[in-house]
Every structure is written in structure tokens, then in C-alpha cells.
PDB file of N, CA and C in Angstrom:
ATOM      1  N   MET A   1     123.045-163.865 -38.164  1.00  0.00           N
ATOM      2  CA  MET A   1     121.717-163.769 -37.589  1.00  0.00           C
ATOM      3  C   MET A   1     120.860-164.903 -38.139  1.00  0.00           C
ATOM      4  N   ALA A   2     120.137-165.554 -37.248  1.00  0.00           N
ATOM      5  CA  ALA A   2     119.293-166.679 -37.634  1.00  0.00           C
ATOM      6  C   ALA A   2     118.071-166.196 -38.430  1.00  0.00           C
ATOM      7  N   ALA A   3     117.411-167.115 -39.085  1.00  0.00           N
ATOM      8  CA  ALA A   3     116.349-166.794 -40.046  1.00  0.00           C
ATOM      9  C   ALA A   3     115.180-166.011 -39.444  1.00  0.00           C
ATOM     10  N   ILE A   4     114.643-166.445 -38.311  1.00  0.00           N
ATOM     11  CA  ILE A   4     113.489-165.763 -37.725  1.00  0.00           C
ATOM     12  C   ILE A   4     113.902-164.384 -37.212  1.00  0.00           C
ATOM     13  N   ALA A   5     115.044-164.295 -36.568  1.00  0.00           N
ATOM     14  CA  ALA A   5     115.537-162.996 -36.091  1.00  0.00           C
ATOM     15  C   ALA A   5     115.720-162.038 -37.268  1.00  0.00           C
ATOM     16  N   LYS A   6     116.186-162.531 -38.385  1.00  0.00           N
ATOM     17  CA  LYS A   6     116.369-161.707 -39.578  1.00  0.00           C
ATOM     18  C   LYS A   6     115.015-161.218 -40.103  1.00  0.00           C
ATOM     19  N   LYS A   7     114.006-162.077 -40.077  1.00  0.00           N
ATOM     20  CA  LYS A   7     112.667-161.666 -40.507  1.00  0.00           C
ATOM     21  C   LYS A   7     112.125-160.572 -39.586  1.00  0.00           C
ATOM     22  N   ILE A   8     112.331-160.736 -38.273  1.00  0.00           N
ATOM     23  CA  ILE A   8     111.913-159.710 -37.314  1.00  0.00           C
ATOM     24  C   ILE A   8     112.610-158.395 -37.637  1.00  0.00           C
ATOM     25  N   GLU A   9     113.915-158.464 -37.840  1.00  0.00           N
ATOM     26  CA  GLU A   9     114.690-157.259 -38.166  1.00  0.00           C
ATOM     27  C   GLU A   9     114.160-156.594 -39.433  1.00  0.00           C
ATOM     28  N   ASP A  10     113.984-157.360 -40.476  1.00  0.00           N
ATOM     29  CA  ASP A  10     113.522-156.812 -41.757  1.00  0.00           C
ATOM     30  C   ASP A  10     112.152-156.148 -41.626  1.00  0.00           C
ATOM     31  N   GLN A  11     111.232-156.810 -40.928  1.00  0.00           N
ATOM     32  CA  GLN A  11     109.883-156.273 -40.806  1.00  0.00           C
ATOM     33  C   GLN A  11     109.862-154.998 -39.952  1.00  0.00           C
ATOM     34  N   LEU A  12     110.645-154.973 -38.874  1.00  0.00           N
ATOM     35  CA  LEU A  12     110.672-153.776 -38.034  1.00  0.00           C
ATOM     36  C   LEU A  12     111.365-152.614 -38.734  1.00  0.00           C
ATOM     37  N   LYS A  13     112.409-152.904 -39.495  1.00  0.00           N
ATOM     38  CA  LYS A  13     113.068-151.838 -40.264  1.00  0.00           C
ATOM     39  C   LYS A  13     112.123-151.262 -41.306  1.00  0.00           C
ATOM     40  N   ALA A  14     111.372-152.117 -41.965  1.00  0.00           N
ATOM     41  CA  ALA A  14     110.432-151.650 -42.978  1.00  0.00           C
ATOM     42  C   ALA A  14     109.299-150.835 -42.359  1.00  0.00           C
ATOM     43  N   ALA A  15     108.828-151.240 -41.199  1.00  0.00           N
ATOM     44  CA  ALA A  15     107.689-150.571 -40.569  1.00  0.00           C
ATOM     45  C   ALA A  15     108.054-149.261 -39.885  1.00  0.00           C
ATOM     46  N   PHE A  16     109.270-149.189 -39.299  1.00  0.00           N
ATOM     47  CA  PHE A  16     109.590-148.063 -38.429  1.00  0.00           C
ATOM     48  C   PHE A  16     110.841-147.281 -38.789  1.00  0.00           C
ATOM     49  N   ALA A  17     111.672-147.764 -39.693  1.00  0.00           N
ATOM     50  CA  ALA A  17     112.957-147.115 -39.989  1.00  0.00           C
ATOM     51  C   ALA A  17     113.633-146.693 -38.677  1.00  0.00           C
ATOM     52  N   PRO A  18     113.920-147.644 -37.796  1.00  0.00           N
ATOM     53  CA  PRO A  18     114.396-147.304 -36.454  1.00  0.00           C
ATOM     54  C   PRO A  18     115.785-146.671 -36.431  1.00  0.00           C
ATOM     55  N   ASP A  19     115.991-145.826 -35.420  1.00  0.00           N
ATOM     56  CA  ASP A  19     117.312-145.258 -35.162  1.00  0.00           C
ATOM     57  C   ASP A  19     118.221-146.320 -34.546  1.00  0.00           C
ATOM     58  N   ALA A  20     117.628-147.224 -33.768  1.00  0.00           N
ATOM     59  CA  ALA A  20     118.373-148.320 -33.142  1.00  0.00           C
ATOM     60  C   ALA A  20     117.462-149.538 -33.050  1.00  0.00           C
ATOM     61  N   LEU A  21     118.047-150.714 -33.240  1.00  0.00           N
ATOM     62  CA  LEU A  21     117.284-151.959 -33.179  1.00  0.00           C
ATOM     63  C   LEU A  21     118.196-153.083 -32.724  1.00  0.00           C
ATOM     64  N   THR A  22     117.768-153.760 -31.656  1.00  0.00           N
ATOM     65  CA  THR A  22     118.488-154.929 -31.154  1.00  0.00           C
ATOM     66  C   THR A  22     117.487-156.065 -31.011  1.00  0.00           C
ATOM     67  N   ILE A  23     117.854-157.227 -31.511  1.00  0.00           N
ATOM     68  CA  ILE A  23     117.004-158.410 -31.408  1.00  0.00           C
ATOM     69  C   ILE A  23     117.816-159.494 -30.721  1.00  0.00           C
ATOM     70  N   LYS A  24     117.277-160.009 -29.625  1.00  0.00           N
ATOM     71  CA  LYS A  24     117.970-161.042 -28.854  1.00  0.00           C
ATOM     72  C   LYS A  24     117.104-162.294 -28.812  1.00  0.00           C
ATOM     73  N   ASP A  25     117.694-163.423 -29.156  1.00  0.00           N
ATOM     74  CA  ASP A  25     116.994-164.707 -29.095  1.00  0.00           C
ATOM     75  C   ASP A  25     117.132-165.245 -27.672  1.00  0.00           C
ATOM     76  N   ASP A  26     116.025-165.268 -26.947  1.00  0.00           N
ATOM     77  CA  ASP A  26     115.995-165.740 -25.558  1.00  0.00           C
ATOM     78  C   ASP A  26     115.535-167.194 -25.454  1.00  0.00           C
ATOM     79  N   SER A  27     115.441-167.891 -26.551  1.00  0.00           N
ATOM     80  CA  SER A  27     114.853-169.228 -26.577  1.00  0.00           C
ATOM     81  C   SER A  27     115.541-170.212 -25.640  1.00  0.00           C
ATOM     82  N   ALA A  28     116.835-170.128 -25.520  1.00  0.00           N
ATOM     83  CA  ALA A  28     117.562-171.072 -24.659  1.00  0.00           C
ATOM     84  C   ALA A  28     117.118-170.967 -23.202  1.00  0.00           C
ATOM     85  N   LEU A  29     116.645-169.806 -22.797  1.00  0.00           N
ATOM     86  CA  LEU A  29     116.178-169.614 -21.422  1.00  0.00           C
ATOM     87  C   LEU A  29     114.852-170.314 -21.164  1.00  0.00           C
ATOM     88  N   HIS A  30     114.173-170.724 -22.236  1.00  0.00           N
ATOM     89  CA  HIS A  30     112.842-171.311 -22.115  1.00  0.00           C
ATOM     90  C   HIS A  30     112.796-172.765 -22.585  1.00  0.00           C
ATOM     91  N   ALA A  31     113.946-173.362 -22.804  1.00  0.00           N
ATOM     92  CA  ALA A  31     114.009-174.752 -23.283  1.00  0.00           C
ATOM     93  C   ALA A  31     113.236-175.673 -22.349  1.00  0.00           C
ATOM     94  N   GLY A  32     112.439-176.542 -22.957  1.00  0.00           N
ATOM     95  CA  GLY A  32     111.715-177.538 -22.183  1.00  0.00           C
ATOM     96  C   GLY A  32     110.307-177.141 -21.801  1.00  0.00           C
ATOM     97  N   HIS A  33     109.910-175.904 -22.002  1.00  0.00           N
ATOM     98  CA  HIS A  33     108.535-175.557 -21.658  1.00  0.00           C
ATOM     99  C   HIS A  33     107.689-175.450 -22.928  1.00  0.00           C
ATOM    100  N   ALA A  34     106.381-175.490 -22.749  1.00  0.00           N
ATOM    101  CA  ALA A  34     105.453-175.455 -23.891  1.00  0.00           C
ATOM    102  C   ALA A  34     105.718-174.221 -24.739  1.00  0.00           C
ATOM    103  N   GLY A  35     105.715-174.398 -26.034  1.00  0.00           N
ATOM    104  CA  GLY A  35     105.948-173.294 -26.950  1.00  0.00           C
ATOM    105  C   GLY A  35     107.406-173.081 -27.289  1.00  0.00           C
ATOM    106  N   ALA A  36     108.286-173.864 -26.698  1.00  0.00           N
ATOM    107  CA  ALA A  36     109.718-173.733 -26.952  1.00  0.00           C
ATOM    108  C   ALA A  36     110.186-174.925 -27.788  1.00  0.00           C
ATOM    109  N   PRO A  37     110.188-174.778 -29.104  1.00  0.00           N
ATOM    110  CA  PRO A  37     110.572-175.891 -29.966  1.00  0.00           C
ATOM    111  C   PRO A  37     112.074-176.171 -29.917  1.00  0.00           C
ATOM    112  N   GLU A  38     112.427-177.356 -30.282  1.00  0.00           N
ATOM    113  CA  GLU A  38     113.838-177.737 -30.404  1.00  0.00           C
ATOM    114  C   GLU A  38     114.511-176.798 -31.401  1.00  0.00           C
ATOM    115  N   GLY A  39     115.664-176.304 -31.073  1.00  0.00           N
ATOM    116  CA  GLY A  39     116.407-175.446 -31.982  1.00  0.00           C
ATOM    117  C   GLY A  39     116.212-173.960 -31.765  1.00  0.00           C
ATOM    118  N   GLY A  40     115.300-173.585 -30.888  1.00  0.00           N
ATOM    119  CA  GLY A  40     115.137-172.177 -30.539  1.00  0.00           C
ATOM    120  C   GLY A  40     114.381-171.361 -31.564  1.00  0.00           C
ATOM    121  N   GLU A  41     114.699-170.082 -31.581  1.00  0.00           N
ATOM    122  CA  GLU A  41     114.050-169.082 -32.434  1.00  0.00           C
ATOM    123  C   GLU A  41     112.545-169.011 -32.180  1.00  0.00           C
ATOM    124  N   SER A  42     112.163-169.000 -30.909  1.00  0.00           N
ATOM    125  CA  SER A  42     110.751-168.901 -30.554  1.00  0.00           C
ATOM    126  C   SER A  42     110.483-167.780 -29.554  1.00  0.00           C
ATOM    127  N   HIS A  43     111.482-167.389 -28.784  1.00  0.00           N
ATOM    128  CA  HIS A  43     111.350-166.364 -27.753  1.00  0.00           C
ATOM    129  C   HIS A  43     112.376-165.252 -28.016  1.00  0.00           C
ATOM    130  N   PHE A  44     111.901-164.017 -28.099  1.00  0.00           N
ATOM    131  CA  PHE A  44     112.793-162.913 -28.444  1.00  0.00           C
ATOM    132  C   PHE A  44     112.552-161.696 -27.564  1.00  0.00           C
ATOM    133  N   THR A  45     113.596-160.893 -27.432  1.00  0.00           N
ATOM    134  CA  THR A  45     113.490-159.553 -26.872  1.00  0.00           C
ATOM    135  C   THR A  45     113.886-158.584 -27.970  1.00  0.00           C
ATOM    136  N   VAL A  46     113.048-157.576 -28.180  1.00  0.00           N
ATOM    137  CA  VAL A  46     113.296-156.540 -29.176  1.00  0.00           C
ATOM    138  C   VAL A  46     113.449-155.207 -28.447  1.00  0.00           C
ATOM    139  N   GLU A  47     114.547-154.523 -28.712  1.00  0.00           N
ATOM    140  CA  GLU A  47     114.737-153.158 -28.235  1.00  0.00           C
ATOM    141  C   GLU A  47     114.796-152.281 -29.473  1.00  0.00           C
ATOM    142  N   ILE A  48     113.865-151.329 -29.557  1.00  0.00           N
ATOM    143  CA  ILE A  48     113.745-150.511 -30.757  1.00  0.00           C
ATOM    144  C   ILE A  48     113.542-149.048 -30.370  1.00  0.00           C
ATOM    145  N   THR A  49     114.248-148.174 -31.065  1.00  0.00           N
ATOM    146  CA  THR A  49     114.087-146.733 -30.909  1.00  0.00           C
ATOM    147  C   THR A  49     113.707-146.168 -32.269  1.00  0.00           C
ATOM    148  N   ALA A  50     112.538-145.496 -32.316  1.00  0.00           N
ATOM    149  CA  ALA A  50     112.056-144.970 -33.592  1.00  0.00           C
ATOM    150  C   ALA A  50     111.204-143.722 -33.373  1.00  0.00           C
ATOM    151  N   ARG A  51     111.272-142.827 -34.323  1.00  0.00           N
ATOM    152  CA  ARG A  51     110.464-141.601 -34.273  1.00  0.00           C
ATOM    153  C   ARG A  51     108.966-141.904 -34.271  1.00  0.00           C
ATOM    154  N   ALA A  52     108.594-143.023 -34.853  1.00  0.00           N
ATOM    155  CA  ALA A  52     107.176-143.408 -34.925  1.00  0.00           C
ATOM    156  C   ALA A  52     106.547-143.549 -33.539  1.00  0.00           C
ATOM    157  N   PHE A  53     107.366-143.731 -32.511  1.00  0.00           N
ATOM    158  CA  PHE A  53     106.849-143.924 -31.159  1.00  0.00           C
ATOM    159  C   PHE A  53     106.680-142.617 -30.385  1.00  0.00           C
ATOM    160  N   GLU A  54     107.102-141.495 -30.963  1.00  0.00           N
ATOM    161  CA  GLU A  54     106.981-140.216 -30.273  1.00  0.00           C
ATOM    162  C   GLU A  54     105.516-139.921 -29.963  1.00  0.00           C
ATOM    163  N   GLY A  55     105.254-139.550 -28.718  1.00  0.00           N
ATOM    164  CA  GLY A  55     103.897-139.203 -28.293  1.00  0.00           C
ATOM    165  C   GLY A  55     102.985-140.381 -28.053  1.00  0.00           C
ATOM    166  N   CYS A  56     103.483-141.592 -28.192  1.00  0.00           N
ATOM    167  CA  CYS A  56     102.663-142.796 -27.996  1.00  0.00           C
ATOM    168  C   CYS A  56     102.909-143.383 -26.603  1.00  0.00           C
ATOM    169  N   SER A  57     101.855-143.936 -26.037  1.00  0.00           N
ATOM    170  CA  SER A  57     101.989-144.625 -24.756  1.00  0.00           C
ATOM    171  C   SER A  57     102.762-145.933 -24.949  1.00  0.00           C
ATOM    172  N   ARG A  58     103.193-146.513 -23.848  1.00  0.00           N
ATOM    173  CA  ARG A  58     103.899-147.798 -23.916  1.00  0.00           C
ATOM    174  C   ARG A  58     103.011-148.874 -24.535  1.00  0.00           C
ATOM    175  N   VAL A  59     101.740-148.879 -24.178  1.00  0.00           N
ATOM    176  CA  VAL A  59     100.808-149.870 -24.728  1.00  0.00           C
ATOM    177  C   VAL A  59     100.663-149.673 -26.239  1.00  0.00           C
ATOM    178  N   ALA A  60     100.528-148.430 -26.669  1.00  0.00           N
ATOM    179  CA  ALA A  60     100.393-148.152 -28.108  1.00  0.00           C
ATOM    180  C   ALA A  60     101.644-148.591 -28.861  1.00  0.00           C
ATOM    181  N   ARG A  61     102.811-148.368 -28.291  1.00  0.00           N
ATOM    182  CA  ARG A  61     104.065-148.780 -28.925  1.00  0.00           C
ATOM    183  C   ARG A  61     104.115-150.293 -29.085  1.00  0.00           C
ATOM    184  N   HIS A  62     103.713-151.002 -28.035  1.00  0.00           N
ATOM    185  CA  HIS A  62     103.712-152.467 -28.095  1.00  0.00           C
ATOM    186  C   HIS A  62     102.733-152.955 -29.158  1.00  0.00           C
ATOM    187  N   ARG A  63     101.590-152.325 -29.239  1.00  0.00           N
ATOM    188  CA  ARG A  63     100.613-152.706 -30.266  1.00  0.00           C
ATOM    189  C   ARG A  63     101.175-152.480 -31.661  1.00  0.00           C
ATOM    190  N   MET A  64     101.881-151.374 -31.845  1.00  0.00           N
ATOM    191  CA  MET A  64     102.477-151.074 -33.148  1.00  0.00           C
ATOM    192  C   MET A  64     103.478-152.157 -33.545  1.00  0.00           C
ATOM    193  N   VAL A  65     104.332-152.553 -32.608  1.00  0.00           N
ATOM    194  CA  VAL A  65     105.321-153.601 -32.890  1.00  0.00           C
ATOM    195  C   VAL A  65     104.613-154.932 -33.145  1.00  0.00           C
ATOM    196  N   ASN A  66     103.649-155.265 -32.308  1.00  0.00           N
ATOM    197  CA  ASN A  66     102.905-156.518 -32.500  1.00  0.00           C
ATOM    198  C   ASN A  66     102.205-156.542 -33.855  1.00  0.00           C
ATOM    199  N   ASN A  67     101.643-155.427 -34.277  1.00  0.00           N
ATOM    200  CA  ASN A  67     100.991-155.363 -35.592  1.00  0.00           C
ATOM    201  C   ASN A  67     101.998-155.569 -36.714  1.00  0.00           C
ATOM    202  N   ALA A  68     103.173-154.975 -36.583  1.00  0.00           N
ATOM    203  CA  ALA A  68     104.209-155.121 -37.612  1.00  0.00           C
ATOM    204  C   ALA A  68     104.691-156.568 -37.724  1.00  0.00           C
ATOM    205  N   LEU A  69     104.616-157.305 -36.626  1.00  0.00           N
ATOM    206  CA  LEU A  69     105.102-158.694 -36.599  1.00  0.00           C
ATOM    207  C   LEU A  69     103.967-159.716 -36.503  1.00  0.00           C
ATOM    208  N   ALA A  70     102.768-159.313 -36.851  1.00  0.00           N
ATOM    209  CA  ALA A  70     101.577-160.145 -36.649  1.00  0.00           C
ATOM    210  C   ALA A  70     101.718-161.559 -37.213  1.00  0.00           C
ATOM    211  N   GLU A  71     102.214-161.693 -38.423  1.00  0.00           N
ATOM    212  CA  GLU A  71     102.323-163.027 -39.032  1.00  0.00           C
ATOM    213  C   GLU A  71     103.315-163.910 -38.279  1.00  0.00           C
ATOM    214  N   LEU A  72     104.425-163.341 -37.859  1.00  0.00           N
ATOM    215  CA  LEU A  72     105.414-164.121 -37.116  1.00  0.00           C
ATOM    216  C   LEU A  72     104.888-164.512 -35.732  1.00  0.00           C
ATOM    217  N   LEU A  73     104.057-163.663 -35.143  1.00  0.00           N
ATOM    218  CA  LEU A  73     103.517-163.952 -33.810  1.00  0.00           C
ATOM    219  C   LEU A  73     102.450-165.050 -33.843  1.00  0.00           C
ATOM    220  N   LYS A  74     101.922-165.347 -35.015  1.00  0.00           N
ATOM    221  CA  LYS A  74     101.004-166.488 -35.164  1.00  0.00           C
ATOM    222  C   LYS A  74     101.781-167.794 -35.111  1.00  0.00           C
ATOM    223  N   GLY A  75     103.073-167.733 -35.242  1.00  0.00           N
ATOM    224  CA  GLY A  75     104.007-168.838 -35.275  1.00  0.00           C
ATOM    225  C   GLY A  75     104.986-168.527 -36.370  1.00  0.00           C
ATOM    226  N   PRO A  76     106.208-168.632 -36.149  1.00  0.00           N
ATOM    227  CA  PRO A  76     106.979-169.394 -35.186  1.00  0.00           C
ATOM    228  C   PRO A  76     107.349-168.663 -33.893  1.00  0.00           C
ATOM    229  N   VAL A  77     107.075-167.371 -33.791  1.00  0.00           N
ATOM    230  CA  VAL A  77     107.450-166.650 -32.571  1.00  0.00           C
ATOM    231  C   VAL A  77     106.394-166.911 -31.505  1.00  0.00           C
ATOM    232  N   HIS A  78     106.839-167.468 -30.385  1.00  0.00           N
ATOM    233  CA  HIS A  78     105.940-167.822 -29.285  1.00  0.00           C
ATOM    234  C   HIS A  78     105.832-166.693 -28.266  1.00  0.00           C
ATOM    235  N   ALA A  79     106.940-165.977 -28.032  1.00  0.00           N
ATOM    236  CA  ALA A  79     106.952-164.909 -27.026  1.00  0.00           C
ATOM    237  C   ALA A  79     107.857-163.777 -27.503  1.00  0.00           C
ATOM    238  N   LEU A  80     107.416-162.546 -27.197  1.00  0.00           N
ATOM    239  CA  LEU A  80     108.162-161.373 -27.616  1.00  0.00           C
ATOM    240  C   LEU A  80     108.121-160.335 -26.490  1.00  0.00           C
ATOM    241  N   ALA A  81     109.296-159.990 -25.987  1.00  0.00           N
ATOM    242  CA  ALA A  81     109.434-158.892 -25.029  1.00  0.00           C
ATOM    243  C   ALA A  81     109.820-157.662 -25.817  1.00  0.00           C
ATOM    244  N   ILE A  82     109.151-156.543 -25.543  1.00  0.00           N
ATOM    245  CA  ILE A  82     109.351-155.336 -26.335  1.00  0.00           C
ATOM    246  C   ILE A  82     109.781-154.189 -25.437  1.00  0.00           C
ATOM    247  N   LYS A  83     110.857-153.530 -25.847  1.00  0.00           N
ATOM    248  CA  LYS A  83     111.317-152.292 -25.226  1.00  0.00           C
ATOM    249  C   LYS A  83     111.355-151.260 -26.342  1.00  0.00           C
ATOM    250  N   ALA A  84     110.289-150.457 -26.458  1.00  0.00           N
ATOM    251  CA  ALA A  84     110.146-149.501 -27.544  1.00  0.00           C
ATOM    252  C   ALA A  84     110.267-148.087 -26.996  1.00  0.00           C
ATOM    253  N   LYS A  85     111.145-147.300 -27.617  1.00  0.00           N
ATOM    254  CA  LYS A  85     111.373-145.936 -27.156  1.00  0.00           C
ATOM    255  C   LYS A  85     111.376-144.980 -28.357  1.00  0.00           C
ATOM    256  N   ALA A  86     111.118-143.719 -28.059  1.00  0.00           N
ATOM    257  CA  ALA A  86     111.286-142.655 -29.038  1.00  0.00           C
ATOM    258  C   ALA A  86     112.705-142.121 -28.879  1.00  0.00           C
ATOM    259  N   PRO A  87     113.283-141.502 -29.888  1.00  0.00           N
ATOM    260  CA  PRO A  87     114.612-140.930 -29.753  1.00  0.00           C
ATOM    261  C   PRO A  87     114.680-139.958 -28.575  1.00  0.00           C
ATOM    262  N   GLY A  88     115.761-140.017 -27.853  1.00  0.00           N
ATOM    263  CA  GLY A  88     115.960-139.138 -26.707  1.00  0.00           C
ATOM    264  C   GLY A  88     115.438-139.683 -25.398  1.00  0.00           C
ATOM    265  N   GLU A  89     114.757-140.815 -25.430  1.00  0.00           N
ATOM    266  CA  GLU A  89     114.254-141.413 -24.190  1.00  0.00           C
ATOM    267  C   GLU A  89     115.278-142.357 -23.592  1.00  0.00           C
TER     268      GLU A  89
END
């Protein structure tokens, strides 16, 4: 796992103790456009399942993930797609 993806993983595990977590680097799909640096690790998709999301709206879940990754979202992460679910969803 590359350095930025590992930081995302570590921060989400610490914040949510997820039942499931998948991090995909989508940077190659965005090569050549603004915000896509040489070498990737700028665009990610996160799929996370955690009890912390129970009873929360989709918007609230996204805010929770964005808050947990706030420093990375200031840079080097340019874009983040989030699929956040509670267990059983």
C-alpha cells in the first residue's frame, strides 16, 4: 500500500474501528487534469462499514469521514469518493 493510502487507512481505522475498509487509488483515471500530480496518490475511493454510521444520514457519514481526513484533504488528497455504510446495510 502506498504512503497516502496507508495514512488514509490508519486515520479511518483510528476514527471508526471499521468492520470493513477498502481504499482504492483512482489517480490514474484523472491523469493530466488539474489537481492530479505526477505519480498519483491524489484521487481515492473509500468504502467503509462502521458502527459509528448507524442512524446517520449519508451526508452526516460523509462529513464524519471528511473530518477524520481533514489534514489529508488540505493536500495531498485532491478528491475523495466515499461509500460509508453501517453494518448490515
